[in-house]
Structure formats: structure tokens, C-alpha cells
Amino acid sequence: MRAIVAVFFLSVVIMIAPAPAQGPPAAASQERAPVPSSPTPVEIEMQRRMAKQRNQERFAKIKKDTDQLLELATQLKKSVDQASEETLSLEVIRKAEQIEKLARHVRQKMVSD
């Protein structure tokens, strides 16, 4: 019985013990990275232009998505107006889910970048 307990205890200790590090020490394997130089005025201008272009593209996507959102909301309004109090079609529910998803997407686009 003691032998079983000893073997169990030894196996637990072996599983818990950290494995020895293999390979060369971390300090020896690291090479120094080159120190980045400060950007030139041309690079700064190029970055500014690229940022402006990204903002224009993001705005165009947001505008397109909000136009689609308006169209979906208009369609939903028409569908709800045509439905009776007792029945709302599955199409109305799907359209509302689509609007919700698109609205989240638009909000995320506005907040990011």
C-alpha cells in the first residue's frame, strides 16, 4: 500500500515539476534589433495622405451602409403596416434582425479607426 502511495506521489511531483529549458540561454539567442530612425518629412506626408485616404474610404462605407439601413427600415415599416395585430410574418422578424446586425456594424465602423 505504501508503495502505491509513494508511486502516486512521485508521479504527481514529476507532472508538476517544470521541464528543464532546452537550447541556448535566452540572452545568447537574442540579437539586437536595429534602432528605428525618425521618419523623414516625406514619410510623414505619405502617412498623412494614407490616413486621409483610409478615412475617406471608411466614411464612404459608413454612408453606403446607412443608406442600406434606411432602405431596410423603410421596408420594415411597410411590412409592419401591412401586418395585422395577430400576425407578424417571419420576413418582418428577419428584416428586423438584419437591421440590428447592420446597425451594429455601422456603429462599430464609426467607433473604430
C-alpha atoms as a PDB file:
ATOM      1  CA  MET A   1       0.000   0.000   0.000  1.00  0.00           C
ATOM      2  CA  ARG A   2       2.838   2.381   0.884  1.00  0.00           C
ATOM      3  CA  ALA A   3       4.490   1.580  -2.422  1.00  0.00           C
ATOM      4  CA  ILE A   4       1.336   2.578  -4.329  1.00  0.00           C
ATOM      5  CA  VAL A   5       1.092   5.849  -2.404  1.00  0.00           C
ATOM      6  CA  ALA A   6       4.792   6.548  -2.991  1.00  0.00           C
ATOM      7  CA  VAL A   7       4.472   5.861  -6.730  1.00  0.00           C
ATOM      8  CA  PHE A   8       1.368   8.074  -6.920  1.00  0.00           C
ATOM      9  CA  PHE A   9       3.109  10.881  -5.031  1.00  0.00           C
ATOM     10  CA  LEU A  10       6.218  10.610  -7.215  1.00  0.00           C
ATOM     11  CA  SER A  11       4.144  10.718 -10.414  1.00  0.00           C
ATOM     12  CA  VAL A  12       2.318  13.844  -9.195  1.00  0.00           C
ATOM     13  CA  VAL A  13       5.618  15.554  -8.382  1.00  0.00           C
ATOM     14  CA  ILE A  14       7.011  14.671 -11.815  1.00  0.00           C
ATOM     15  CA  MET A  15       3.934  16.071 -13.579  1.00  0.00           C
ATOM     16  CA  ILE A  16       4.041  19.297 -11.580  1.00  0.00           C
ATOM     17  CA  ALA A  17       7.790  19.911 -11.863  1.00  0.00           C
ATOM     18  CA  PRO A  18       8.777  22.335 -14.639  1.00  0.00           C
ATOM     19  CA  ALA A  19      10.575  20.895 -17.620  1.00  0.00           C
ATOM     20  CA  PRO A  20      14.237  21.887 -17.954  1.00  0.00           C
ATOM     21  CA  ALA A  21      14.928  24.552 -20.530  1.00  0.00           C
ATOM     22  CA  GLN A  22      16.385  23.284 -23.748  1.00  0.00           C
ATOM     23  CA  GLY A  23      18.528  25.145 -26.202  1.00  0.00           C
ATOM     24  CA  PRO A  24      20.839  28.095 -25.661  1.00  0.00           C
ATOM     25  CA  PRO A  25      20.107  30.650 -22.970  1.00  0.00           C
ATOM     26  CA  ALA A  26      17.672  33.396 -23.949  1.00  0.00           C
ATOM     27  CA  ALA A  27      20.270  36.163 -23.683  1.00  0.00           C
ATOM     28  CA  ALA A  28      22.639  34.412 -26.072  1.00  0.00           C
ATOM     29  CA  SER A  29      19.967  33.734 -28.710  1.00  0.00           C
ATOM     30  CA  GLN A  30      18.606  37.277 -28.868  1.00  0.00           C
ATOM     31  CA  GLU A  31      20.040  39.606 -31.452  1.00  0.00           C
ATOM     32  CA  ARG A  32      19.814  43.322 -31.139  1.00  0.00           C
ATOM     33  CA  ALA A  33      17.118  44.841 -33.286  1.00  0.00           C
ATOM     34  CA  PRO A  34      18.097  47.906 -35.269  1.00  0.00           C
ATOM     35  CA  VAL A  35      17.039  51.167 -33.696  1.00  0.00           C
ATOM     36  CA  PRO A  36      14.336  52.754 -35.867  1.00  0.00           C
ATOM     37  CA  SER A  37      15.228  56.159 -37.197  1.00  0.00           C
ATOM     38  CA  SER A  38      12.816  59.051 -37.017  1.00  0.00           C
ATOM     39  CA  PRO A  39      10.553  59.363 -40.068  1.00  0.00           C
ATOM     40  CA  THR A  40      11.512  61.777 -42.773  1.00  0.00           C
ATOM     41  CA  PRO A  41       9.183  64.613 -43.812  1.00  0.00           C
ATOM     42  CA  VAL A  42       8.321  62.660 -46.976  1.00  0.00           C
ATOM     43  CA  GLU A  43       7.346  59.610 -44.915  1.00  0.00           C
ATOM     44  CA  ILE A  44       5.262  61.762 -42.586  1.00  0.00           C
ATOM     45  CA  GLU A  45       3.413  63.288 -45.535  1.00  0.00           C
ATOM     46  CA  MET A  46       2.842  59.854 -47.072  1.00  0.00           C
ATOM     47  CA  GLN A  47       1.437  58.541 -43.775  1.00  0.00           C
ATOM     48  CA  ARG A  48      -0.851  61.574 -43.522  1.00  0.00           C
ATOM     49  CA  ARG A  49      -2.152  61.010 -47.064  1.00  0.00           C
ATOM     50  CA  MET A  50      -2.706  57.315 -46.414  1.00  0.00           C
ATOM     51  CA  ALA A  51      -4.614  58.087 -43.207  1.00  0.00           C
ATOM     52  CA  LYS A  52      -6.762  60.613 -45.065  1.00  0.00           C
ATOM     53  CA  GLN A  53      -7.483  58.045 -47.799  1.00  0.00           C
ATOM     54  CA  ARG A  54      -8.454  55.410 -45.187  1.00  0.00           C
ATOM     55  CA  ASN A  55     -10.790  57.906 -43.506  1.00  0.00           C
ATOM     56  CA  GLN A  56     -12.443  58.757 -46.834  1.00  0.00           C
ATOM     57  CA  GLU A  57     -12.937  55.061 -47.629  1.00  0.00           C
ATOM     58  CA  ARG A  58     -14.332  54.383 -44.139  1.00  0.00           C
ATOM     59  CA  PHE A  59     -16.742  57.315 -44.485  1.00  0.00           C
ATOM     60  CA  ALA A  60     -17.910  56.071 -47.904  1.00  0.00           C
ATOM     61  CA  LYS A  61     -18.588  52.601 -46.448  1.00  0.00           C
ATOM     62  CA  ILE A  62     -20.482  54.095 -43.498  1.00  0.00           C
ATOM     63  CA  LYS A  63     -22.568  56.236 -45.859  1.00  0.00           C
ATOM     64  CA  LYS A  64     -23.379  53.215 -48.054  1.00  0.00           C
ATOM     65  CA  ASP A  65     -24.327  51.120 -45.005  1.00  0.00           C
ATOM     66  CA  THR A  66     -26.545  53.862 -43.563  1.00  0.00           C
ATOM     67  CA  ASP A  67     -28.318  54.199 -46.916  1.00  0.00           C
ATOM     68  CA  GLN A  68     -28.946  50.457 -46.826  1.00  0.00           C
ATOM     69  CA  LEU A  69     -30.085  50.754 -43.215  1.00  0.00           C
ATOM     70  CA  LEU A  70     -32.618  53.417 -44.183  1.00  0.00           C
ATOM     71  CA  GLU A  71     -33.928  51.228 -47.017  1.00  0.00           C
ATOM     72  CA  LEU A  72     -34.315  48.226 -44.696  1.00  0.00           C
ATOM     73  CA  ALA A  73     -36.064  50.337 -42.062  1.00  0.00           C
ATOM     74  CA  THR A  74     -38.468  51.672 -44.698  1.00  0.00           C
ATOM     75  CA  GLN A  75     -39.229  48.133 -45.872  1.00  0.00           C
ATOM     76  CA  LEU A  76     -39.762  47.014 -42.275  1.00  0.00           C
ATOM     77  CA  LYS A  77     -42.182  49.888 -41.671  1.00  0.00           C
ATOM     78  CA  LYS A  78     -44.207  48.914 -44.753  1.00  0.00           C
ATOM     79  CA  SER A  79     -44.279  45.263 -43.706  1.00  0.00           C
ATOM     80  CA  VAL A  80     -45.413  46.094 -40.175  1.00  0.00           C
ATOM     81  CA  ASP A  81     -48.107  48.446 -41.506  1.00  0.00           C
ATOM     82  CA  GLN A  82     -49.457  45.650 -43.725  1.00  0.00           C
ATOM     83  CA  ALA A  83     -49.437  43.016 -40.940  1.00  0.00           C
ATOM     84  CA  SER A  84     -52.311  42.547 -38.557  1.00  0.00           C
ATOM     85  CA  GLU A  85     -52.119  42.662 -34.777  1.00  0.00           C
ATOM     86  CA  GLU A  86     -52.216  38.883 -34.501  1.00  0.00           C
ATOM     87  CA  THR A  87     -49.573  38.030 -37.074  1.00  0.00           C
ATOM     88  CA  LEU A  88     -46.133  39.290 -37.824  1.00  0.00           C
ATOM     89  CA  SER A  89     -44.522  37.430 -40.664  1.00  0.00           C
ATOM     90  CA  LEU A  90     -41.199  35.689 -40.431  1.00  0.00           C
ATOM     91  CA  GLU A  91     -39.959  38.154 -43.057  1.00  0.00           C
ATOM     92  CA  VAL A  92     -40.568  41.054 -40.636  1.00  0.00           C
ATOM     93  CA  ILE A  93     -38.574  39.334 -37.911  1.00  0.00           C
ATOM     94  CA  ARG A  94     -35.707  38.552 -40.292  1.00  0.00           C
ATOM     95  CA  LYS A  95     -35.673  42.119 -41.576  1.00  0.00           C
ATOM     96  CA  ALA A  96     -35.520  43.441 -38.002  1.00  0.00           C
ATOM     97  CA  GLU A  97     -32.575  41.126 -37.273  1.00  0.00           C
ATOM     98  CA  GLN A  98     -30.851  42.291 -40.457  1.00  0.00           C
ATOM     99  CA  ILE A  99     -31.341  45.923 -39.426  1.00  0.00           C
ATOM    100  CA  GLU A 100     -29.947  45.209 -35.976  1.00  0.00           C
ATOM    101  CA  LYS A 101     -26.870  43.493 -37.418  1.00  0.00           C
ATOM    102  CA  LEU A 102     -26.231  46.300 -39.904  1.00  0.00           C
ATOM    103  CA  ALA A 103     -26.717  48.960 -37.221  1.00  0.00           C
ATOM    104  CA  ARG A 104     -24.126  47.253 -35.019  1.00  0.00           C
ATOM    105  CA  HIS A 105     -21.753  47.094 -37.975  1.00  0.00           C
ATOM    106  CA  VAL A 106     -22.202  50.811 -38.698  1.00  0.00           C
ATOM    107  CA  ARG A 107     -21.676  51.721 -35.043  1.00  0.00           C
ATOM    108  CA  GLN A 108     -18.527  49.596 -34.899  1.00  0.00           C
ATOM    109  CA  LYS A 109     -17.185  51.263 -38.060  1.00  0.00           C
ATOM    110  CA  MET A 110     -17.838  54.708 -36.592  1.00  0.00           C
ATOM    111  CA  VAL A 111     -16.024  53.900 -33.362  1.00  0.00           C
ATOM    112  CA  SER A 112     -13.042  52.036 -34.817  1.00  0.00           C
ATOM    113  CA  ASP A 113     -10.106  53.579 -36.632  1.00  0.00           C
END
